[in-house]
């Protein structure tokens, strides 16, 4: 039946129309190529070598299991660690023994050894200036009675500013004077903030807190000064290697100016902290440089999963130490296979249910419709949770449970096609000739009612892939550690700073679903006869 449908001239004409829609035609081939590549995932991403030459014999671990004893002679029948064996003297010192690994030498289930990841051994010393804050108490004539850390704002010592007038150092706008005058008048006042600059040209905020009336007017008013962060306050970095030498960076220049201004005592303490940081984390260190407070944080790049993309792991590493690229590629195969199998099963069930209702009609049709409506009202997610708790999560169980509900929509369209076609003259003629109902349904009506199946196929495939990703994201889909895009997105929710866990699975899901939509849109336009109709 399918071969006759493909050879049909009308079908060929529709296919030629589909080819004319370049976006859909290219998307179809692109999706086919992606799926074929995913079917060969073991040859692209695999922790087992493609080929091993050892002691004059050839082995193919990607296709066949070999125990560890074969290559190490330790009588262990366990799965060998080929990366470790490849670095052993038997392969490193003997050039006749070698391994050929795939393009990506890590599988989707393999946890990567942190020591195999190349990270910098240097320690970075970040000096972050602490924003200055100070207060002054002024009298009505703006003379300074008390000063706490206000001197650094104006490059003066504290004892030098007492008794002087505030307007000698900063500009006092009219609204600031009014805010101060209200408080000296012992009237209720709301908070006041004003942005200005100190004599050095740095931006500061002058603040006066809320004031409530008292029994006697205040003798002084307190003003708070806060420094606004600027480009000059960005962390200043000094990088040390294991020999405690400065490492060149930023156009090859050393950032030693700040280091030379540190006191000898603080410098010795920082050196000791740098030494300790090579072996483990250390606390931040507070110090003063040229009268300004700084915090010194020591950073060293360490391998902690999930880990950002590095050489050999272009899409990064997930929370369990597995290569994200391998899991994305294997996840593509899982998603496409699940989608194709689900749509195929759904169409078979939908065709059978719709054909029986539409062809026979009457009481059978009405009864079938009511039963389908009852069945569609059952909560799918609850059933999935119940079945998973009883039988355990698996690919086949997920396919079975989802297939129990996914065919309902197809049955509606097939029922409508059979109700439309069963009264056509060629069907009546077939019945009069004594052809059995089975042949009438599958050889005469179904080939002429294939339009809904073909046009809806790409959209159903996209829906199935999205549904699998959603179920995996919620934790009701495939069992771990099955590679899945939804599982990677669930990890991304837990580690929101790991942008690679968000970007690459989302991009893969978006591309596949977009290609499916393009294909479905092209098929729908190819089967649409309106392009060739005319108004008479």
Protein backbone atom coordinates (compact mmCIF):
# COMPACT_ATOMS: atom_id res chain seq x y z
CA UNK A 1 0.00 0.00 0.00
CA UNK A 2 2.80 2.41 0.92
CA UNK A 3 4.71 1.65 -2.31
CA UNK A 4 1.60 2.25 -4.41
CA UNK A 5 1.01 5.51 -2.58
CA UNK A 6 4.57 6.66 -3.26
CA UNK A 7 4.31 5.74 -6.97
CA UNK A 8 1.04 7.60 -7.30
CA UNK A 9 1.36 10.57 -9.73
CA UNK A 10 -0.43 12.88 -7.32
CA UNK A 11 2.02 11.96 -4.58
CA UNK A 12 4.94 12.64 -6.90
CA UNK A 13 3.48 16.01 -7.80
CA UNK A 14 3.12 16.87 -4.13
CA UNK A 15 6.71 15.83 -3.50
CA UNK A 16 7.89 18.14 -6.30
CA UNK A 17 5.95 20.97 -4.68
CA UNK A 18 7.66 20.15 -1.39
CA UNK A 19 11.10 20.29 -3.07
CA UNK A 20 10.29 23.77 -4.36
CA UNK A 21 10.00 24.94 -0.74
CA UNK A 22 13.77 25.15 -0.15
CA UNK A 23 13.53 25.91 3.57
CA UNK A 24 11.51 22.75 4.23
CA UNK A 25 13.51 20.54 1.85
CA UNK A 26 16.88 21.58 3.32
CA UNK A 27 15.50 21.18 6.85
CA UNK A 28 14.40 17.63 6.02
CA UNK A 29 17.86 16.61 4.86
CA UNK A 30 19.53 18.43 7.73
CA UNK A 31 17.36 16.59 10.26
CA UNK A 32 18.01 13.26 8.54
CA UNK A 33 21.76 13.86 8.62
CA UNK A 34 21.63 14.83 12.31
CA UNK A 35 19.74 11.66 13.16
CA UNK A 36 22.10 9.47 11.13
CA UNK A 37 25.07 11.08 12.89
CA UNK A 38 23.44 10.41 16.27
CA UNK A 39 22.96 6.74 15.29
CA UNK A 40 26.73 6.58 14.89
CA UNK A 41 27.38 8.18 18.28
CA UNK A 42 29.57 5.29 19.45
CA UNK A 43 31.98 6.07 16.61
CA UNK A 44 32.11 9.78 17.53
CA UNK A 45 31.84 9.92 21.33
CA UNK A 46 33.10 6.85 23.15
CA UNK A 47 35.41 6.10 26.02
CA UNK A 48 36.34 2.82 24.31
CA UNK A 49 38.88 2.97 21.47
CA UNK A 50 37.79 2.22 17.93
CA UNK A 51 40.84 0.05 17.36
CA UNK A 52 43.64 -1.40 19.51
CA UNK A 53 46.82 -3.03 18.34
CA UNK A 54 48.32 -4.98 21.23
CA UNK A 55 50.97 -7.71 21.16
CA UNK A 56 50.44 -8.25 17.44
CA UNK A 57 46.67 -8.68 17.76
CA UNK A 58 43.81 -6.36 16.75
CA UNK A 59 40.91 -5.48 19.00
CA UNK A 60 37.71 -3.48 18.44
CA UNK A 61 36.46 -2.34 21.90
CA UNK A 62 33.80 -0.06 20.43
CA UNK A 63 32.04 -3.14 19.07
CA UNK A 64 33.04 -5.87 21.52
CA UNK A 65 33.72 -6.11 25.25
CA UNK A 66 37.19 -7.06 26.43
CA UNK A 67 38.10 -7.52 30.08
CA UNK A 68 40.94 -5.67 31.75
CA UNK A 69 42.95 -8.87 31.97
CA UNK A 70 43.41 -8.91 28.16
CA UNK A 71 45.59 -5.76 28.22
CA UNK A 72 47.06 -5.80 31.73
CA UNK A 73 47.28 -9.48 32.66
CA UNK A 74 46.01 -8.87 36.20
CA UNK A 75 43.30 -11.57 36.04
CA UNK A 76 40.56 -8.95 36.45
CA UNK A 77 37.47 -9.53 34.35
CA UNK A 78 36.14 -6.01 34.89
CA UNK A 79 35.65 -3.25 32.34
CA UNK A 80 39.06 -1.73 31.51
CA UNK A 81 39.91 1.95 31.84
CA UNK A 82 41.36 2.44 28.36
CA UNK A 83 42.67 5.94 29.10
CA UNK A 84 44.66 4.61 32.03
CA UNK A 85 45.87 1.59 30.06
CA UNK A 86 46.92 3.83 27.17
CA UNK A 87 49.21 5.73 29.57
CA UNK A 88 50.70 2.53 30.99
CA UNK A 89 54.29 1.46 30.05
CA UNK A 90 52.92 -1.32 27.82
CA UNK A 91 51.58 1.30 25.40
CA UNK A 92 53.69 4.34 26.25
CA UNK A 93 57.06 2.63 25.83
CA UNK A 94 56.14 0.20 23.06
CA UNK A 95 55.25 1.90 19.79
CA UNK A 96 53.90 -1.34 18.31
CA UNK A 97 51.04 -1.17 20.83
CA UNK A 98 48.63 1.72 20.25
CA UNK A 99 45.01 2.77 20.53
CA UNK A 100 42.85 4.81 18.16
CA UNK A 101 40.15 6.72 20.04
CA UNK A 102 37.08 8.39 18.50
CA UNK A 103 36.99 12.12 17.84
CA UNK A 104 35.67 12.62 21.40
CA UNK A 105 37.26 10.05 23.65
CA UNK A 106 34.60 10.18 26.36
CA UNK A 107 31.24 8.43 26.47
CA UNK A 108 27.99 9.86 27.86
CA UNK A 109 28.22 7.79 31.05
CA UNK A 110 31.92 8.24 31.76
CA UNK A 111 33.04 10.52 34.58
CA UNK A 112 36.11 12.49 33.59
CA UNK A 113 39.23 12.41 35.76
CA UNK A 114 39.76 15.97 37.11
CA UNK A 115 43.52 15.57 36.72
CA UNK A 116 43.11 15.13 32.96
CA UNK A 117 41.68 18.65 32.60
CA UNK A 118 44.27 21.29 31.83
CA UNK A 119 43.83 24.26 34.18
CA UNK A 120 46.15 27.07 35.20
CA UNK A 121 48.42 26.39 38.17
CA UNK A 122 48.82 30.09 38.94
CA UNK A 123 47.31 31.94 41.90
CA UNK A 124 45.60 35.27 41.28
CA UNK A 125 45.70 37.88 44.04
CA UNK A 126 42.72 40.24 43.64
CA UNK A 127 42.94 43.58 45.46
CA UNK A 128 39.48 45.11 45.75
CA UNK A 129 39.21 48.59 47.24
CA UNK A 130 36.62 48.91 49.99
CA UNK A 131 34.29 51.88 49.30
CA UNK A 132 35.03 54.61 51.84
CA UNK A 133 32.41 55.76 54.31
CA UNK A 134 32.72 58.57 56.83
CA UNK A 135 30.66 60.97 58.94
CA UNK A 136 30.90 64.53 60.19
CA UNK A 137 28.89 66.40 62.81
CA UNK A 138 28.36 70.05 61.91
CA UNK A 139 26.92 73.07 63.69
CA UNK A 140 24.60 75.70 62.25
CA UNK A 141 27.51 77.59 60.69
CA UNK A 142 28.69 74.28 59.06
CA UNK A 143 31.76 74.08 61.24
CA UNK A 144 32.93 70.50 61.80
CA UNK A 145 32.67 69.42 65.43
CA UNK A 146 33.37 65.72 65.00
CA UNK A 147 34.86 63.73 62.13
CA UNK A 148 35.04 59.96 61.69
CA UNK A 149 36.94 58.73 58.59
CA UNK A 150 36.06 61.89 56.71
CA UNK A 151 39.70 62.86 56.22
CA UNK A 152 40.40 60.39 53.36
CA UNK A 153 37.56 61.94 51.33
CA UNK A 154 39.40 65.26 51.19
CA UNK A 155 42.99 64.00 51.48
CA UNK A 156 43.33 65.41 55.01
CA UNK A 157 44.00 63.96 58.44
CA UNK A 158 41.14 63.78 60.91
CA UNK A 159 42.64 66.31 63.32
CA UNK A 160 43.07 68.81 60.49
CA UNK A 161 39.36 69.01 59.61
CA UNK A 162 37.94 69.60 63.08
CA UNK A 163 36.97 73.20 63.56
CA UNK A 164 37.07 73.89 59.82
CA UNK A 165 33.98 74.57 57.72
CA UNK A 166 32.43 71.88 55.57
CA UNK A 167 31.82 74.21 52.62
CA UNK A 168 35.60 74.63 52.33
CA UNK A 169 35.86 71.07 51.02
CA UNK A 170 32.63 70.29 49.16
CA UNK A 171 29.92 72.32 47.47
CA UNK A 172 26.71 72.68 49.48
CA UNK A 173 23.65 73.09 47.24
CA UNK A 174 20.57 74.93 48.42
CA UNK A 175 18.47 71.79 48.95
CA UNK A 176 21.20 70.34 51.21
CA UNK A 177 21.25 73.54 53.24
CA UNK A 178 17.47 73.39 53.55
CA UNK A 179 17.62 69.76 54.75
CA UNK A 180 20.19 70.74 57.41
CA UNK A 181 18.18 73.84 58.43
CA UNK A 182 14.97 71.80 58.93
CA UNK A 183 16.77 69.53 61.39
CA UNK A 184 18.24 72.45 63.32
CA UNK A 185 14.67 73.86 63.47
CA UNK A 186 13.63 70.61 65.21
CA UNK A 187 11.09 69.74 62.52
CA UNK A 188 10.24 66.34 61.09
CA UNK A 189 12.34 65.54 58.00
CA UNK A 190 12.64 62.64 55.58
CA UNK A 191 15.96 61.12 54.43
CA UNK A 192 18.06 63.22 52.10
CA UNK A 193 20.68 62.08 49.55
CA UNK A 194 22.84 64.23 47.34
CA UNK A 195 25.50 63.27 44.80
CA UNK A 196 28.60 65.44 44.50
CA UNK A 197 32.38 65.19 44.11
CA UNK A 198 35.20 65.44 46.61
CA UNK A 199 38.30 67.57 45.98
CA UNK A 200 39.98 64.61 44.25
CA UNK A 201 37.15 64.47 41.71
CA UNK A 202 35.66 61.16 42.92
CA UNK A 203 31.89 60.84 43.09
CA UNK A 204 30.39 60.61 46.58
CA UNK A 205 26.91 60.52 48.12
CA UNK A 206 26.08 62.85 51.03
CA UNK A 207 23.25 61.42 53.16
CA UNK A 208 21.23 62.71 56.10
CA UNK A 209 19.04 60.25 57.96
CA UNK A 210 15.37 60.65 58.95
CA UNK A 211 14.76 63.15 61.71
CA UNK A 212 11.96 63.20 64.29
CA UNK A 213 11.28 66.25 66.56
CA UNK A 214 12.84 66.12 70.03
CA UNK A 215 12.38 67.98 73.32
CA UNK A 216 15.24 70.34 72.44
CA UNK A 217 16.65 71.32 69.02
CA UNK A 218 19.85 69.46 68.09
CA UNK A 219 23.17 71.21 68.50
CA UNK A 220 24.76 69.30 65.63
CA UNK A 221 23.60 67.42 62.50
CA UNK A 222 25.38 64.33 61.23
CA UNK A 223 26.17 63.94 57.52
CA UNK A 224 27.28 60.61 56.09
CA UNK A 225 29.63 60.39 53.09
CA UNK A 226 29.76 57.29 50.91
CA UNK A 227 32.04 56.71 47.96
CA UNK A 228 30.40 55.69 44.67
CA UNK A 229 32.11 52.76 42.94
CA UNK A 230 33.91 53.75 39.75
CA UNK A 231 36.28 52.24 37.24
CA UNK A 232 39.22 52.97 39.50
CA UNK A 233 37.74 50.66 42.10
CA UNK A 234 37.82 47.55 39.93
CA UNK A 235 39.89 44.70 41.40
CA UNK A 236 43.61 44.97 40.71
CA UNK A 237 45.21 41.62 39.95
CA UNK A 238 48.62 40.17 40.58
CA UNK A 239 49.29 36.64 39.33
CA UNK A 240 51.89 34.34 40.89
CA UNK A 241 53.26 31.05 39.63
CA UNK A 242 54.45 28.21 41.84
CA UNK A 243 57.85 29.85 42.15
CA UNK A 244 56.11 32.91 43.63
CA UNK A 245 57.15 34.98 40.61
CA UNK A 246 55.00 37.62 38.92
CA UNK A 247 53.32 36.33 35.76
CA UNK A 248 53.09 38.66 32.81
CA UNK A 249 49.61 39.66 31.66
CA UNK A 250 47.73 42.64 30.24
CA UNK A 251 50.03 43.36 27.28
CA UNK A 252 52.97 41.85 29.13
CA UNK A 253 53.05 44.42 31.94
CA UNK A 254 53.42 43.63 35.64
CA UNK A 255 50.86 45.14 37.98
CA UNK A 256 53.54 45.82 40.59
CA UNK A 257 52.66 49.40 41.52
CA UNK A 258 50.14 48.32 44.12
CA UNK A 259 52.50 45.58 45.32
CA UNK A 260 55.34 48.06 45.92
CA UNK A 261 53.04 50.26 48.01
CA UNK A 262 52.14 47.43 50.40
CA UNK A 263 53.92 47.42 53.74
CA UNK A 264 56.62 44.81 54.19
CA UNK A 265 54.68 43.08 56.96
CA UNK A 266 51.51 42.74 54.86
CA UNK A 267 53.58 41.65 51.88
CA UNK A 268 55.12 38.78 53.86
CA UNK A 269 51.67 37.68 55.06
CA UNK A 270 50.32 37.75 51.51
CA UNK A 271 53.23 35.63 50.28
CA UNK A 272 52.46 33.04 52.95
CA UNK A 273 48.80 33.05 51.91
CA UNK A 274 49.79 32.57 48.26
CA UNK A 275 51.90 29.56 49.27
CA UNK A 276 48.96 28.10 51.18
CA UNK A 277 46.55 28.72 48.30
CA UNK A 278 48.46 26.29 46.09
CA UNK A 279 47.34 23.51 48.45
CA UNK A 280 43.86 24.65 49.46
CA UNK A 281 41.44 27.55 49.97
CA UNK A 282 42.38 30.46 52.24
CA UNK A 283 40.39 33.33 53.73
CA UNK A 284 40.42 36.85 52.35
CA UNK A 285 42.93 39.29 53.80
CA UNK A 286 42.26 42.91 54.77
CA UNK A 287 44.96 45.56 54.52
CA UNK A 288 45.54 49.26 53.98
CA UNK A 289 47.47 50.68 51.04
CA UNK A 290 48.23 54.39 50.89
CA UNK A 291 45.62 55.06 53.55
CA UNK A 292 42.91 53.12 51.74
CA UNK A 293 41.31 49.82 52.82
CA UNK A 294 41.53 46.82 50.49
CA UNK A 295 40.43 43.20 50.60
CA UNK A 296 42.82 40.68 49.08
CA UNK A 297 41.17 37.50 47.73
CA UNK A 298 43.29 34.62 46.47
CA UNK A 299 41.89 32.63 43.56
CA UNK A 300 43.15 29.50 41.86
CA UNK A 301 41.41 27.69 39.05
CA UNK A 302 40.24 24.33 40.29
CA UNK A 303 38.30 21.54 38.67
CA UNK A 304 34.87 21.43 40.23
CA UNK A 305 31.94 19.91 38.40
CA UNK A 306 30.13 21.27 36.51
CA UNK A 307 33.09 22.76 34.69
CA UNK A 308 33.13 25.31 31.87
CA UNK A 309 34.19 24.39 28.29
CA UNK A 310 37.90 23.65 27.98
CA UNK A 311 40.16 22.01 25.44
CA UNK A 312 38.86 18.49 24.82
CA UNK A 313 35.41 19.31 26.20
CA UNK A 314 33.99 21.93 23.85
CA UNK A 315 30.56 22.03 25.51
CA UNK A 316 31.79 21.74 29.07
CA UNK A 317 31.25 19.11 31.74
CA UNK A 318 28.07 18.44 33.71
CA UNK A 319 27.59 18.06 37.46
CA UNK A 320 28.54 14.37 37.38
CA UNK A 321 31.78 14.97 35.46
CA UNK A 322 30.42 13.78 32.10
CA UNK A 323 31.10 15.42 28.75
CA UNK A 324 28.14 17.59 27.73
CA UNK A 325 28.80 17.23 23.98
CA UNK A 326 28.60 13.44 24.27
CA UNK A 327 25.37 13.63 26.26
CA UNK A 328 23.85 16.13 23.82
CA UNK A 329 24.69 13.88 20.86
CA UNK A 330 23.38 10.72 22.54
CA UNK A 331 20.37 12.73 23.74
CA UNK A 332 19.59 13.58 20.11
CA UNK A 333 19.45 9.89 19.28
CA UNK A 334 17.28 9.17 22.29
CA UNK A 335 14.88 12.03 21.51
CA UNK A 336 14.56 11.26 17.79
CA UNK A 337 14.14 7.53 18.35
CA UNK A 338 11.54 8.10 21.03
CA UNK A 339 9.69 10.61 18.86
CA UNK A 340 9.66 8.40 15.76
CA UNK A 341 8.55 5.30 17.66
CA UNK A 342 5.87 7.21 19.57
CA UNK A 343 4.46 8.84 16.44
CA UNK A 344 4.48 5.51 14.58
CA UNK A 345 2.62 3.75 17.42
CA UNK A 346 0.21 6.66 17.80
CA UNK A 347 -0.60 6.64 14.10
CA UNK A 348 -1.21 2.90 14.03
CA UNK A 349 -3.61 3.08 16.98
CA UNK A 350 -5.22 6.28 15.68
CA UNK A 351 -5.76 4.79 12.23
CA UNK A 352 -7.37 1.64 13.61
CA UNK A 353 -9.64 3.50 16.02
CA UNK A 354 -10.60 6.20 13.52
CA UNK A 355 -11.11 3.74 10.65
CA UNK A 356 -13.46 1.49 12.63
CA UNK A 357 -15.54 4.42 13.86
CA UNK A 358 -15.67 6.24 10.55
CA UNK A 359 -16.28 3.22 8.35
CA UNK A 360 -19.00 1.50 10.37
CA UNK A 361 -20.55 4.60 12.01
CA UNK A 362 -23.81 4.33 13.90
CA UNK A 363 -23.85 2.99 17.43
CA UNK A 364 -20.26 1.78 17.15
CA UNK A 365 -19.12 5.29 16.24
CA UNK A 366 -21.03 7.00 19.06
CA UNK A 367 -19.94 4.43 21.64
CA UNK A 368 -16.32 4.67 20.52
CA UNK A 369 -16.39 8.48 20.72
CA UNK A 370 -17.74 8.47 24.26
CA UNK A 371 -15.14 5.93 25.37
CA UNK A 372 -12.34 7.99 23.79
CA UNK A 373 -13.59 11.12 25.55
CA UNK A 374 -13.55 9.29 28.87
CA UNK A 375 -10.07 7.93 28.17
CA UNK A 376 -8.71 11.37 27.18
CA UNK A 377 -9.96 12.80 30.50
CA UNK A 378 -7.57 10.59 32.49
CA UNK A 379 -4.58 12.57 33.89
CA UNK A 380 -1.54 11.41 31.96
CA UNK A 381 1.06 12.72 34.41
CA UNK A 382 -0.51 10.97 37.39
CA UNK A 383 -0.66 7.70 35.46
CA UNK A 384 2.98 8.13 34.46
CA UNK A 385 4.00 8.71 38.08
CA UNK A 386 1.98 5.71 39.27
CA UNK A 387 3.34 3.36 36.60
CA UNK A 388 6.89 4.57 37.18
CA UNK A 389 6.64 3.97 40.94
CA UNK A 390 5.31 0.45 40.39
CA UNK A 391 7.41 -0.79 37.45
CA UNK A 392 10.31 1.65 37.53
CA UNK A 393 11.18 4.30 34.95
CA UNK A 394 12.31 3.00 31.57
CA UNK A 395 12.26 3.89 27.88
CA UNK A 396 9.69 1.22 27.02
CA UNK A 397 7.38 2.17 29.90
CA UNK A 398 7.51 5.83 28.94
CA UNK A 399 6.78 4.96 25.32
CA UNK A 400 3.90 2.70 26.36
CA UNK A 401 2.30 5.22 28.73
CA UNK A 402 2.62 8.13 26.35
CA UNK A 403 1.38 6.02 23.44
CA UNK A 404 -1.81 5.20 25.36
CA UNK A 405 -2.91 8.84 25.02
CA UNK A 406 -1.08 10.26 22.03
CA UNK A 407 -3.21 8.45 19.41
CA UNK A 408 -6.47 10.17 20.36
CA UNK A 409 -5.93 13.26 18.20
CA UNK A 410 -5.06 11.19 15.12
CA UNK A 411 -8.19 9.07 15.56
CA UNK A 412 -10.38 12.18 15.28
CA UNK A 413 -8.88 13.16 11.93
CA UNK A 414 -8.98 9.59 10.56
CA UNK A 415 -12.58 9.20 11.65
CA UNK A 416 -13.47 12.39 9.78
CA UNK A 417 -11.65 11.16 6.63
CA UNK A 418 -13.42 7.79 6.70
CA UNK A 419 -16.82 9.42 7.27
CA UNK A 420 -16.13 11.62 4.23
CA UNK A 421 -14.83 8.89 1.93
CA UNK A 422 -17.10 5.94 2.79
CA UNK A 423 -19.98 7.36 0.72
CA UNK A 424 -17.85 8.11 -2.33
CA UNK A 425 -18.85 6.28 -5.56
CA UNK A 426 -15.62 4.24 -5.81
CA UNK A 427 -16.17 2.90 -2.28
CA UNK A 428 -19.79 2.01 -3.05
CA UNK A 429 -18.59 0.26 -6.20
CA UNK A 430 -16.03 -1.73 -4.24
CA UNK A 431 -18.71 -2.87 -1.80
CA UNK A 432 -20.99 -3.91 -4.64
CA UNK A 433 -18.17 -6.00 -6.09
CA UNK A 434 -18.03 -7.95 -2.82
CA UNK A 435 -14.64 -6.73 -1.65
CA UNK A 436 -14.12 -7.34 2.05
CA UNK A 437 -14.30 -4.50 4.54
CA UNK A 438 -10.62 -5.00 5.45
CA UNK A 439 -9.53 -4.38 1.84
CA UNK A 440 -11.90 -1.47 1.45
CA UNK A 441 -10.53 0.19 4.57
CA UNK A 442 -6.80 -0.35 3.96
CA UNK A 443 -6.58 -0.44 0.14
CA UNK A 444 -9.22 2.04 -0.96
CA UNK A 445 -10.09 4.50 1.82
CA UNK A 446 -6.83 4.76 3.76
CA UNK A 447 -4.57 5.67 0.78
CA UNK A 448 -6.99 8.50 -0.04
CA UNK A 449 -7.11 9.64 3.59
CA UNK A 450 -3.36 9.83 4.22
CA UNK A 451 -3.19 13.62 4.03
CA UNK A 452 -3.77 14.22 7.78
CA UNK A 453 -1.19 11.56 8.69
CA UNK A 454 1.54 13.00 6.49
CA UNK A 455 0.91 16.66 7.29
CA UNK A 456 0.71 16.05 11.04
CA UNK A 457 3.70 13.70 11.24
CA UNK A 458 6.43 16.41 11.66
CA UNK A 459 4.36 18.34 14.20
CA UNK A 460 3.66 15.18 16.19
CA UNK A 461 7.39 14.38 16.12
CA UNK A 462 8.23 17.85 17.44
CA UNK A 463 5.59 17.47 20.16
CA UNK A 464 6.97 14.07 21.20
CA UNK A 465 10.54 15.40 21.45
CA UNK A 466 9.37 18.38 23.50
CA UNK A 467 7.27 16.14 25.73
CA UNK A 468 10.24 13.85 26.44
CA UNK A 469 12.44 16.83 27.33
CA UNK A 470 9.71 18.20 29.62
CA UNK A 471 9.21 14.87 31.40
CA UNK A 472 12.97 14.43 31.88
CA UNK A 473 13.20 17.97 33.22
CA UNK A 474 10.43 17.24 35.73
CA UNK A 475 12.06 13.94 36.74
CA UNK A 476 9.32 11.64 35.36
CA UNK A 477 11.01 10.66 32.11
CA UNK A 478 13.92 8.38 31.33
CA UNK A 479 15.85 6.86 34.25
CA UNK A 480 19.28 8.31 35.05
CA UNK A 481 21.95 8.26 33.76
CA UNK A 482 20.26 8.04 30.34
CA UNK A 483 21.49 10.96 28.16
CA UNK A 484 18.68 13.46 27.85
CA UNK A 485 18.33 17.14 27.05
CA UNK A 486 15.71 17.57 29.75
CA UNK A 487 18.05 16.09 32.38
CA UNK A 488 20.78 18.56 31.38
CA UNK A 489 18.31 21.44 31.68
CA UNK A 490 17.35 20.18 35.13
CA UNK A 491 21.03 20.35 36.11
CA UNK A 492 21.13 23.89 34.73
CA UNK A 493 18.35 24.86 37.14
CA UNK A 494 20.46 23.61 40.04
CA UNK A 495 23.64 25.30 38.81
CA UNK A 496 22.38 28.52 37.28
CA UNK A 497 25.89 29.90 36.87
CA UNK A 498 26.78 26.98 34.57
CA UNK A 499 25.69 28.71 31.36
CA UNK A 500 26.87 25.81 29.16
CA UNK A 501 24.28 23.51 30.73
CA UNK A 502 21.61 25.99 29.66
CA UNK A 503 22.92 27.04 26.25
CA UNK A 504 23.82 23.81 24.46
CA UNK A 505 20.85 21.55 25.40
CA UNK A 506 18.46 24.44 24.75
CA UNK A 507 20.10 25.15 21.41
CA UNK A 508 19.90 21.47 20.39
CA UNK A 509 16.24 21.26 21.39
CA UNK A 510 15.46 24.53 19.61
CA UNK A 511 17.22 23.52 16.36
CA UNK A 512 15.55 20.09 16.13
CA UNK A 513 12.09 21.46 16.90
CA UNK A 514 12.58 24.36 14.47
CA UNK A 515 13.60 21.95 11.69
CA UNK A 516 10.53 19.84 12.42
CA UNK A 517 8.26 22.87 12.20
CA UNK A 518 9.85 23.95 8.91
CA UNK A 519 9.32 20.47 7.47
CA UNK A 520 5.72 20.32 8.67
CA UNK A 521 5.00 23.76 7.25
CA UNK A 522 6.47 22.70 3.87
CA UNK A 523 4.44 19.48 3.76
CA UNK A 524 1.26 21.36 4.62
CA UNK A 525 1.88 23.84 1.79
CA UNK A 526 2.72 21.01 -0.63
CA UNK A 527 -0.59 19.26 0.13
CA UNK A 528 -2.59 22.50 0.03
CA UNK A 529 -4.53 22.67 -3.27
CA UNK A 530 -5.40 26.36 -2.92
CA UNK A 531 -2.30 27.34 -4.85
CA UNK A 532 -3.76 25.70 -7.94
CA UNK A 533 -7.41 26.76 -7.65
CA UNK A 534 -9.02 29.64 -9.47
CA UNK A 535 -12.12 31.71 -8.96
CA UNK A 536 -14.44 31.40 -11.96
